[in-house]
Amino acid sequence: MFNGVLKNIKIEETVSLLSCFVSQEKLQDAQKPREELDMLFTQLQDTARRVAKVRLECKVEIDVEDFVSSFRLDIMEAVYSWAKRSKFYEIMEIT
């Protein structure tokens, strides 16, 4: 949002990236997302780190690394497949 990341990405990638905001549980055997999703996740982490540092500068207590690690990539690939209208059993194989 802050640096134009969402400007040129596909709907499936956007939905997949948004899953990082709601997924809180670490999956044991989570599939590593494809390269383009992994790059989006890295950009999300960088942005989260910047936001946390600004909060610190504003005297709002926050553990920067806890905040950054609160965003989970575990279901990105499954959500991407769902958004691409994959069959249910294919999505289940990912998870």
PDB file of N, CA and C in Angstrom:
ATOM      1  N   MET A   1       0.809  -1.195   0.000  1.00  0.00           N
ATOM      2  CA  MET A   1       0.000   0.000   0.000  1.00  0.00           C
ATOM      3  C   MET A   1       0.852   1.259   0.000  1.00  0.00           C
ATOM      4  N   PHE A   2       1.895   1.254   0.809  1.00  0.00           N
ATOM      5  CA  PHE A   2       2.679   2.462   0.996  1.00  0.00           C
ATOM      6  C   PHE A   2       3.681   2.706  -0.126  1.00  0.00           C
ATOM      7  N   ASN A   3       4.101   1.662  -0.795  1.00  0.00           N
ATOM      8  CA  ASN A   3       5.113   1.857  -1.832  1.00  0.00           C
ATOM      9  C   ASN A   3       4.660   1.358  -3.208  1.00  0.00           C
ATOM     10  N   GLY A   4       3.361   1.231  -3.411  1.00  0.00           N
ATOM     11  CA  GLY A   4       2.830   0.866  -4.716  1.00  0.00           C
ATOM     12  C   GLY A   4       2.894  -0.606  -5.051  1.00  0.00           C
ATOM     13  N   VAL A   5       3.109  -1.461  -4.075  1.00  0.00           N
ATOM     14  CA  VAL A   5       3.212  -2.900  -4.321  1.00  0.00           C
ATOM     15  C   VAL A   5       1.931  -3.447  -4.942  1.00  0.00           C
ATOM     16  N   LEU A   6       0.792  -2.963  -4.488  1.00  0.00           N
ATOM     17  CA  LEU A   6      -0.484  -3.501  -4.961  1.00  0.00           C
ATOM     18  C   LEU A   6      -0.884  -2.987  -6.338  1.00  0.00           C
ATOM     19  N   LYS A   7      -0.160  -2.029  -6.828  1.00  0.00           N
ATOM     20  CA  LYS A   7      -0.515  -1.355  -8.078  1.00  0.00           C
ATOM     21  C   LYS A   7      -0.522  -2.298  -9.282  1.00  0.00           C
ATOM     22  N   ASN A   8       0.442  -3.164  -9.387  1.00  0.00           N
ATOM     23  CA  ASN A   8       0.611  -3.974 -10.595  1.00  0.00           C
ATOM     24  C   ASN A   8       0.535  -5.479 -10.355  1.00  0.00           C
ATOM     25  N   ILE A   9      -0.168  -5.903  -9.313  1.00  0.00           N
ATOM     26  CA  ILE A   9      -0.234  -7.347  -9.088  1.00  0.00           C
ATOM     27  C   ILE A   9      -1.622  -7.874  -9.457  1.00  0.00           C
ATOM     28  N   LYS A  10      -1.662  -9.158  -9.735  1.00  0.00           N
ATOM     29  CA  LYS A  10      -2.899  -9.826 -10.140  1.00  0.00           C
ATOM     30  C   LYS A  10      -3.841  -9.951  -8.940  1.00  0.00           C
ATOM     31  N   ILE A  11      -5.105 -10.151  -9.228  1.00  0.00           N
ATOM     32  CA  ILE A  11      -6.106 -10.317  -8.172  1.00  0.00           C
ATOM     33  C   ILE A  11      -5.738 -11.497  -7.277  1.00  0.00           C
ATOM     34  N   GLU A  12      -5.306 -12.599  -7.887  1.00  0.00           N
ATOM     35  CA  GLU A  12      -4.948 -13.791  -7.115  1.00  0.00           C
ATOM     36  C   GLU A  12      -3.803 -13.492  -6.142  1.00  0.00           C
ATOM     37  N   GLU A  13      -2.850 -12.692  -6.587  1.00  0.00           N
ATOM     38  CA  GLU A  13      -1.718 -12.327  -5.731  1.00  0.00           C
ATOM     39  C   GLU A  13      -2.164 -11.404  -4.603  1.00  0.00           C
ATOM     40  N   THR A  14      -3.097 -10.500  -4.905  1.00  0.00           N
ATOM     41  CA  THR A  14      -3.625  -9.601  -3.880  1.00  0.00           C
ATOM     42  C   THR A  14      -4.344 -10.389  -2.794  1.00  0.00           C
ATOM     43  N   VAL A  15      -5.198 -11.299  -3.200  1.00  0.00           N
ATOM     44  CA  VAL A  15      -5.940 -12.122  -2.243  1.00  0.00           C
ATOM     45  C   VAL A  15      -4.970 -12.957  -1.409  1.00  0.00           C
ATOM     46  N   SER A  16      -3.983 -13.509  -2.064  1.00  0.00           N
ATOM     47  CA  SER A  16      -2.974 -14.304  -1.372  1.00  0.00           C
ATOM     48  C   SER A  16      -2.216 -13.468  -0.346  1.00  0.00           C
ATOM     49  N   LEU A  17      -1.837 -12.255  -0.723  1.00  0.00           N
ATOM     50  CA  LEU A  17      -1.131 -11.357   0.189  1.00  0.00           C
ATOM     51  C   LEU A  17      -2.013 -10.982   1.375  1.00  0.00           C
ATOM     52  N   LEU A  18      -3.278 -10.730   1.120  1.00  0.00           N
ATOM     53  CA  LEU A  18      -4.198 -10.385   2.209  1.00  0.00           C
ATOM     54  C   LEU A  18      -4.372 -11.523   3.203  1.00  0.00           C
ATOM     55  N   SER A  19      -4.156 -12.756   2.757  1.00  0.00           N
ATOM     56  CA  SER A  19      -4.259 -13.890   3.679  1.00  0.00           C
ATOM     57  C   SER A  19      -3.226 -13.804   4.796  1.00  0.00           C
ATOM     58  N   CYS A  20      -2.144 -13.086   4.561  1.00  0.00           N
ATOM     59  CA  CYS A  20      -1.101 -12.930   5.583  1.00  0.00           C
ATOM     60  C   CYS A  20      -1.589 -12.128   6.785  1.00  0.00           C
ATOM     61  N   PHE A  21      -2.618 -11.316   6.571  1.00  0.00           N
ATOM     62  CA  PHE A  21      -3.169 -10.491   7.644  1.00  0.00           C
ATOM     63  C   PHE A  21      -4.102 -11.284   8.547  1.00  0.00           C
ATOM     64  N   VAL A  22      -4.699 -12.339   8.042  1.00  0.00           N
ATOM     65  CA  VAL A  22      -5.680 -13.090   8.824  1.00  0.00           C
ATOM     66  C   VAL A  22      -5.153 -14.425   9.335  1.00  0.00           C
ATOM     67  N   SER A  23      -4.168 -14.961   8.690  1.00  0.00           N
ATOM     68  CA  SER A  23      -3.611 -16.246   9.106  1.00  0.00           C
ATOM     69  C   SER A  23      -2.714 -16.030  10.316  1.00  0.00           C
ATOM     70  N   GLN A  24      -3.036 -16.698  11.424  1.00  0.00           N
ATOM     71  CA  GLN A  24      -2.255 -16.517  12.640  1.00  0.00           C
ATOM     72  C   GLN A  24      -1.577 -17.792  13.107  1.00  0.00           C
ATOM     73  N   GLU A  25      -2.019 -18.900  12.590  1.00  0.00           N
ATOM     74  CA  GLU A  25      -1.511 -20.182  13.038  1.00  0.00           C
ATOM     75  C   GLU A  25      -0.379 -20.660  12.143  1.00  0.00           C
ATOM     76  N   LYS A  26       0.721 -21.100  12.746  1.00  0.00           N
ATOM     77  CA  LYS A  26       1.839 -21.627  11.967  1.00  0.00           C
ATOM     78  C   LYS A  26       1.538 -23.076  11.615  1.00  0.00           C
ATOM     79  N   LEU A  27       1.567 -23.369  10.329  1.00  0.00           N
ATOM     80  CA  LEU A  27       1.347 -24.732   9.869  1.00  0.00           C
ATOM     81  C   LEU A  27       2.676 -25.474   9.822  1.00  0.00           C
ATOM     82  N   GLN A  28       2.671 -26.721  10.253  1.00  0.00           N
ATOM     83  CA  GLN A  28       3.919 -27.484  10.314  1.00  0.00           C
ATOM     84  C   GLN A  28       4.520 -27.746   8.949  1.00  0.00           C
ATOM     85  N   ASP A  29       3.703 -28.175   8.021  1.00  0.00           N
ATOM     86  CA  ASP A  29       4.211 -28.559   6.701  1.00  0.00           C
ATOM     87  C   ASP A  29       3.724 -27.605   5.612  1.00  0.00           C
ATOM     88  N   ALA A  30       3.712 -26.321   5.924  1.00  0.00           N
ATOM     89  CA  ALA A  30       3.218 -25.345   4.953  1.00  0.00           C
ATOM     90  C   ALA A  30       4.125 -25.315   3.728  1.00  0.00           C
ATOM     91  N   GLN A  31       3.490 -25.297   2.579  1.00  0.00           N
ATOM     92  CA  GLN A  31       4.230 -25.232   1.320  1.00  0.00           C
ATOM     93  C   GLN A  31       4.767 -23.823   1.139  1.00  0.00           C
ATOM     94  N   LYS A  32       6.033 -23.732   0.756  1.00  0.00           N
ATOM     95  CA  LYS A  32       6.627 -22.422   0.486  1.00  0.00           C
ATOM     96  C   LYS A  32       5.939 -21.857  -0.752  1.00  0.00           C
ATOM     97  N   PRO A  33       5.508 -20.599  -0.676  1.00  0.00           N
ATOM     98  CA  PRO A  33       4.804 -20.034  -1.826  1.00  0.00           C
ATOM     99  C   PRO A  33       5.721 -19.823  -3.027  1.00  0.00           C
ATOM    100  N   ARG A  34       5.119 -19.757  -4.192  1.00  0.00           N
ATOM    101  CA  ARG A  34       5.864 -19.514  -5.428  1.00  0.00           C
ATOM    102  C   ARG A  34       6.648 -18.208  -5.311  1.00  0.00           C
ATOM    103  N   GLU A  35       7.625 -18.035  -6.169  1.00  0.00           N
ATOM    104  CA  GLU A  35       8.577 -16.925  -6.063  1.00  0.00           C
ATOM    105  C   GLU A  35       7.901 -15.556  -6.010  1.00  0.00           C
ATOM    106  N   GLU A  36       6.927 -15.314  -6.894  1.00  0.00           N
ATOM    107  CA  GLU A  36       6.308 -13.991  -6.906  1.00  0.00           C
ATOM    108  C   GLU A  36       5.536 -13.702  -5.619  1.00  0.00           C
ATOM    109  N   LEU A  37       4.940 -14.738  -5.014  1.00  0.00           N
ATOM    110  CA  LEU A  37       4.253 -14.554  -3.739  1.00  0.00           C
ATOM    111  C   LEU A  37       5.256 -14.357  -2.612  1.00  0.00           C
ATOM    112  N   ASP A  38       6.351 -15.058  -2.673  1.00  0.00           N
ATOM    113  CA  ASP A  38       7.394 -14.909  -1.663  1.00  0.00           C
ATOM    114  C   ASP A  38       7.973 -13.496  -1.699  1.00  0.00           C
ATOM    115  N   MET A  39       8.124 -12.940  -2.889  1.00  0.00           N
ATOM    116  CA  MET A  39       8.632 -11.565  -3.014  1.00  0.00           C
ATOM    117  C   MET A  39       7.627 -10.573  -2.431  1.00  0.00           C
ATOM    118  N   LEU A  40       6.331 -10.800  -2.671  1.00  0.00           N
ATOM    119  CA  LEU A  40       5.308  -9.936  -2.082  1.00  0.00           C
ATOM    120  C   LEU A  40       5.333 -10.017  -0.564  1.00  0.00           C
ATOM    121  N   PHE A  41       5.526 -11.223  -0.047  1.00  0.00           N
ATOM    122  CA  PHE A  41       5.581 -11.401   1.402  1.00  0.00           C
ATOM    123  C   PHE A  41       6.788 -10.676   1.990  1.00  0.00           C
ATOM    124  N   THR A  42       7.909 -10.735   1.307  1.00  0.00           N
ATOM    125  CA  THR A  42       9.107 -10.022   1.764  1.00  0.00           C
ATOM    126  C   THR A  42       8.851  -8.520   1.791  1.00  0.00           C
ATOM    127  N   GLN A  43       8.160  -8.015   0.791  1.00  0.00           N
ATOM    128  CA  GLN A  43       7.824  -6.589   0.771  1.00  0.00           C
ATOM    129  C   GLN A  43       6.867  -6.236   1.904  1.00  0.00           C
ATOM    130  N   LEU A  44       5.938  -7.146   2.206  1.00  0.00           N
ATOM    131  CA  LEU A  44       5.029  -6.935   3.331  1.00  0.00           C
ATOM    132  C   LEU A  44       5.815  -6.857   4.639  1.00  0.00           C
ATOM    133  N   GLN A  45       6.781  -7.761   4.813  1.00  0.00           N
ATOM    134  CA  GLN A  45       7.600  -7.747   6.029  1.00  0.00           C
ATOM    135  C   GLN A  45       8.406  -6.453   6.135  1.00  0.00           C
ATOM    136  N   ASP A  46       8.971  -6.006   5.033  1.00  0.00           N
ATOM    137  CA  ASP A  46       9.736  -4.752   5.032  1.00  0.00           C
ATOM    138  C   ASP A  46       8.856  -3.574   5.435  1.00  0.00           C
ATOM    139  N   THR A  47       7.644  -3.547   4.892  1.00  0.00           N
ATOM    140  CA  THR A  47       6.708  -2.469   5.222  1.00  0.00           C
ATOM    141  C   THR A  47       6.291  -2.551   6.686  1.00  0.00           C
ATOM    142  N   ALA A  48       6.026  -3.755   7.167  1.00  0.00           N
ATOM    143  CA  ALA A  48       5.650  -3.935   8.577  1.00  0.00           C
ATOM    144  C   ALA A  48       6.776  -3.464   9.496  1.00  0.00           C
ATOM    145  N   ARG A  49       7.993  -3.745   9.107  1.00  0.00           N
ATOM    146  CA  ARG A  49       9.152  -3.309   9.903  1.00  0.00           C
ATOM    147  C   ARG A  49       9.226  -1.776   9.943  1.00  0.00           C
ATOM    148  N   ARG A  50       8.988  -1.139   8.816  1.00  0.00           N
ATOM    149  CA  ARG A  50       9.000   0.335   8.776  1.00  0.00           C
ATOM    150  C   ARG A  50       7.875   0.921   9.627  1.00  0.00           C
ATOM    151  N   VAL A  51       6.686   0.337   9.533  1.00  0.00           N
ATOM    152  CA  VAL A  51       5.548   0.809  10.324  1.00  0.00           C
ATOM    153  C   VAL A  51       5.854   0.663  11.814  1.00  0.00           C
ATOM    154  N   ALA A  52       6.422  -0.464  12.201  1.00  0.00           N
ATOM    155  CA  ALA A  52       6.747  -0.685  13.609  1.00  0.00           C
ATOM    156  C   ALA A  52       7.791   0.316  14.104  1.00  0.00           C
ATOM    157  N   LYS A  53       8.762   0.625  13.278  1.00  0.00           N
ATOM    158  CA  LYS A  53       9.789   1.598  13.680  1.00  0.00           C
ATOM    159  C   LYS A  53       9.198   2.994  13.843  1.00  0.00           C
ATOM    160  N   VAL A  54       8.258   3.350  12.992  1.00  0.00           N
ATOM    161  CA  VAL A  54       7.581   4.640  13.143  1.00  0.00           C
ATOM    162  C   VAL A  54       6.785   4.663  14.442  1.00  0.00           C
ATOM    163  N   ARG A  55       6.140   3.558  14.753  1.00  0.00           N
ATOM    164  CA  ARG A  55       5.405   3.477  16.014  1.00  0.00           C
ATOM    165  C   ARG A  55       6.346   3.676  17.197  1.00  0.00           C
ATOM    166  N   LEU A  56       7.534   3.072  17.123  1.00  0.00           N
ATOM    167  CA  LEU A  56       8.526   3.254  18.186  1.00  0.00           C
ATOM    168  C   LEU A  56       8.934   4.718  18.306  1.00  0.00           C
ATOM    169  N   GLU A  57       9.150   5.353  17.176  1.00  0.00           N
ATOM    170  CA  GLU A  57       9.519   6.773  17.166  1.00  0.00           C
ATOM    171  C   GLU A  57       8.418   7.634  17.783  1.00  0.00           C
ATOM    172  N   CYS A  58       7.178   7.179  17.672  1.00  0.00           N
ATOM    173  CA  CYS A  58       6.036   7.907  18.238  1.00  0.00           C
ATOM    174  C   CYS A  58       5.769   7.494  19.689  1.00  0.00           C
ATOM    175  N   LYS A  59       6.706   6.767  20.259  1.00  0.00           N
ATOM    176  CA  LYS A  59       6.628   6.329  21.663  1.00  0.00           C
ATOM    177  C   LYS A  59       5.511   5.318  21.926  1.00  0.00           C
ATOM    178  N   VAL A  60       5.128   4.572  20.897  1.00  0.00           N
ATOM    179  CA  VAL A  60       4.172   3.489  21.064  1.00  0.00           C
ATOM    180  C   VAL A  60       4.975   2.200  21.227  1.00  0.00           C
ATOM    181  N   GLU A  61       4.798   1.550  22.368  1.00  0.00           N
ATOM    182  CA  GLU A  61       5.572   0.333  22.612  1.00  0.00           C
ATOM    183  C   GLU A  61       5.173  -0.766  21.635  1.00  0.00           C
ATOM    184  N   ILE A  62       6.180  -1.369  21.048  1.00  0.00           N
ATOM    185  CA  ILE A  62       5.957  -2.468  20.109  1.00  0.00           C
ATOM    186  C   ILE A  62       7.252  -3.248  19.976  1.00  0.00           C
ATOM    187  N   ASP A  63       7.137  -4.545  19.917  1.00  0.00           N
ATOM    188  CA  ASP A  63       8.291  -5.389  19.613  1.00  0.00           C
ATOM    189  C   ASP A  63       8.302  -5.551  18.092  1.00  0.00           C
ATOM    190  N   VAL A  64       9.270  -4.939  17.464  1.00  0.00           N
ATOM    191  CA  VAL A  64       9.314  -4.880  16.001  1.00  0.00           C
ATOM    192  C   VAL A  64       9.279  -6.274  15.392  1.00  0.00           C
ATOM    193  N   GLU A  65      10.118  -7.161  15.863  1.00  0.00           N
ATOM    194  CA  GLU A  65      10.192  -8.498  15.260  1.00  0.00           C
ATOM    195  C   GLU A  65       8.939  -9.319  15.528  1.00  0.00           C
ATOM    196  N   ASP A  66       8.322  -9.155  16.700  1.00  0.00           N
ATOM    197  CA  ASP A  66       7.050  -9.845  16.959  1.00  0.00           C
ATOM    198  C   ASP A  66       5.978  -9.354  15.996  1.00  0.00           C
ATOM    199  N   PHE A  67       5.954  -8.047  15.772  1.00  0.00           N
ATOM    200  CA  PHE A  67       4.976  -7.474  14.841  1.00  0.00           C
ATOM    201  C   PHE A  67       5.201  -8.013  13.430  1.00  0.00           C
ATOM    202  N   VAL A  68       6.446  -8.008  12.988  1.00  0.00           N
ATOM    203  CA  VAL A  68       6.763  -8.494  11.634  1.00  0.00           C
ATOM    204  C   VAL A  68       6.417  -9.975  11.500  1.00  0.00           C
ATOM    205  N   SER A  69       6.731 -10.752  12.519  1.00  0.00           N
ATOM    206  CA  SER A  69       6.469 -12.193  12.433  1.00  0.00           C
ATOM    207  C   SER A  69       5.000 -12.535  12.637  1.00  0.00           C
ATOM    208  N   SER A  70       4.175 -11.554  12.999  1.00  0.00           N
ATOM    209  CA  SER A  70       2.745 -11.823  13.157  1.00  0.00           C
ATOM    210  C   SER A  70       2.061 -12.043  11.806  1.00  0.00           C
ATOM    211  N   PHE A  71       2.709 -11.645  10.737  1.00  0.00           N
ATOM    212  CA  PHE A  71       2.173 -11.877   9.396  1.00  0.00           C
ATOM    213  C   PHE A  71       2.668 -13.239   8.919  1.00  0.00           C
ATOM    214  N   ARG A  72       1.737 -14.110   8.554  1.00  0.00           N
ATOM    215  CA  ARG A  72       2.060 -15.503   8.230  1.00  0.00           C
ATOM    216  C   ARG A  72       1.896 -15.746   6.724  1.00  0.00           C
ATOM    217  N   LEU A  73       2.818 -16.479   6.161  1.00  0.00           N
ATOM    218  CA  LEU A  73       2.743 -16.826   4.740  1.00  0.00           C
ATOM    219  C   LEU A  73       2.265 -18.250   4.509  1.00  0.00           C
ATOM    220  N   ASP A  74       1.909 -18.927   5.569  1.00  0.00           N
ATOM    221  CA  ASP A  74       1.609 -20.357   5.503  1.00  0.00           C
ATOM    222  C   ASP A  74       0.489 -20.742   4.539  1.00  0.00           C
ATOM    223  N   ILE A  75      -0.513 -19.886   4.370  1.00  0.00           N
ATOM    224  CA  ILE A  75      -1.626 -20.270   3.495  1.00  0.00           C
ATOM    225  C   ILE A  75      -1.642 -19.497   2.177  1.00  0.00           C
ATOM    226  N   MET A  76      -0.586 -18.748   1.909  1.00  0.00           N
ATOM    227  CA  MET A  76      -0.551 -17.937   0.684  1.00  0.00           C
ATOM    228  C   MET A  76      -0.771 -18.772  -0.574  1.00  0.00           C
ATOM    229  N   GLU A  77      -0.070 -19.868  -0.681  1.00  0.00           N
ATOM    230  CA  GLU A  77      -0.161 -20.692  -1.891  1.00  0.00           C
ATOM    231  C   GLU A  77      -1.554 -21.294  -2.043  1.00  0.00           C
ATOM    232  N   ALA A  78      -2.131 -21.744  -0.941  1.00  0.00           N
ATOM    233  CA  ALA A  78      -3.484 -22.315  -0.998  1.00  0.00           C
ATOM    234  C   ALA A  78      -4.508 -21.251  -1.385  1.00  0.00           C
ATOM    235  N   VAL A  79      -4.384 -20.066  -0.837  1.00  0.00           N
ATOM    236  CA  VAL A  79      -5.311 -18.980  -1.166  1.00  0.00           C
ATOM    237  C   VAL A  79      -5.139 -18.562  -2.623  1.00  0.00           C
ATOM    238  N   TYR A  80      -3.903 -18.541  -3.083  1.00  0.00           N
ATOM    239  CA  TYR A  80      -3.644 -18.223  -4.495  1.00  0.00           C
ATOM    240  C   TYR A  80      -4.362 -19.239  -5.390  1.00  0.00           C
ATOM    241  N   SER A  81      -4.239 -20.499  -5.061  1.00  0.00           N
ATOM    242  CA  SER A  81      -4.893 -21.548  -5.852  1.00  0.00           C
ATOM    243  C   SER A  81      -6.410 -21.407  -5.798  1.00  0.00           C
ATOM    244  N   TRP A  82      -6.942 -21.077  -4.619  1.00  0.00           N
ATOM    245  CA  TRP A  82      -8.377 -20.863  -4.471  1.00  0.00           C
ATOM    246  C   TRP A  82      -8.839 -19.712  -5.373  1.00  0.00           C
ATOM    247  N   ALA A  83      -8.085 -18.617  -5.354  1.00  0.00           N
ATOM    248  CA  ALA A  83      -8.443 -17.453  -6.164  1.00  0.00           C
ATOM    249  C   ALA A  83      -8.343 -17.758  -7.661  1.00  0.00           C
ATOM    250  N   LYS A  84      -7.494 -18.711  -8.033  1.00  0.00           N
ATOM    251  CA  LYS A  84      -7.367 -19.125  -9.436  1.00  0.00           C
ATOM    252  C   LYS A  84      -8.425 -20.171  -9.809  1.00  0.00           C
ATOM    253  N   ARG A  85      -9.330 -20.436  -8.861  1.00  0.00           N
ATOM    254  CA  ARG A  85     -10.429 -21.381  -9.055  1.00  0.00           C
ATOM    255  C   ARG A  85      -9.969 -22.819  -9.249  1.00  0.00           C
ATOM    256  N   SER A  86      -8.943 -23.179  -8.504  1.00  0.00           N
ATOM    257  CA  SER A  86      -8.495 -24.571  -8.539  1.00  0.00           C
ATOM    258  C   SER A  86      -9.564 -25.464  -7.919  1.00  0.00           C
ATOM    259  N   LYS A  87      -9.487 -26.721  -8.218  1.00  0.00           N
ATOM    260  CA  LYS A  87     -10.428 -27.678  -7.645  1.00  0.00           C
ATOM    261  C   LYS A  87     -10.124 -27.849  -6.148  1.00  0.00           C
ATOM    262  N   PHE A  88     -11.160 -28.153  -5.390  1.00  0.00           N
ATOM    263  CA  PHE A  88     -11.046 -28.256  -3.936  1.00  0.00           C
ATOM    264  C   PHE A  88      -9.961 -29.257  -3.537  1.00  0.00           C
ATOM    265  N   TYR A  89      -9.935 -30.423  -4.182  1.00  0.00           N
ATOM    266  CA  TYR A  89      -8.951 -31.430  -3.811  1.00  0.00           C
ATOM    267  C   TYR A  89      -7.518 -30.954  -4.084  1.00  0.00           C
ATOM    268  N   GLU A  90      -7.342 -30.099  -5.112  1.00  0.00           N
ATOM    269  CA  GLU A  90      -6.010 -29.551  -5.407  1.00  0.00           C
ATOM    270  C   GLU A  90      -5.562 -28.597  -4.300  1.00  0.00           C
ATOM    271  N   ILE A  91      -6.511 -27.809  -3.807  1.00  0.00           N
ATOM    272  CA  ILE A  91      -6.193 -26.885  -2.706  1.00  0.00           C
ATOM    273  C   ILE A  91      -5.876 -27.682  -1.446  1.00  0.00           C
ATOM    274  N   MET A  92      -6.625 -28.731  -1.197  1.00  0.00           N
ATOM    275  CA  MET A  92      -6.391 -29.580  -0.020  1.00  0.00           C
ATOM    276  C   MET A  92      -5.020 -30.241  -0.088  1.00  0.00           C
ATOM    277  N   GLU A  93      -4.562 -30.581  -1.265  1.00  0.00           N
ATOM    278  CA  GLU A  93      -3.217 -31.168  -1.403  1.00  0.00           C
ATOM    279  C   GLU A  93      -2.143 -30.182  -0.992  1.00  0.00           C
ATOM    280  N   ILE A  94      -2.379 -28.906  -1.226  1.00  0.00           N
ATOM    281  CA  ILE A  94      -1.411 -27.875  -0.841  1.00  0.00           C
ATOM    282  C   ILE A  94      -1.349 -27.744   0.675  1.00  0.00           C
ATOM    283  N   THR A  95      -2.524 -27.841   1.310  1.00  0.00           N
ATOM    284  CA  THR A  95      -2.565 -27.648   2.760  1.00  0.00           C
ATOM    285  C   THR A  95      -2.360 -28.956   3.473  1.00  0.00           C
TER     286      THR A  95
END
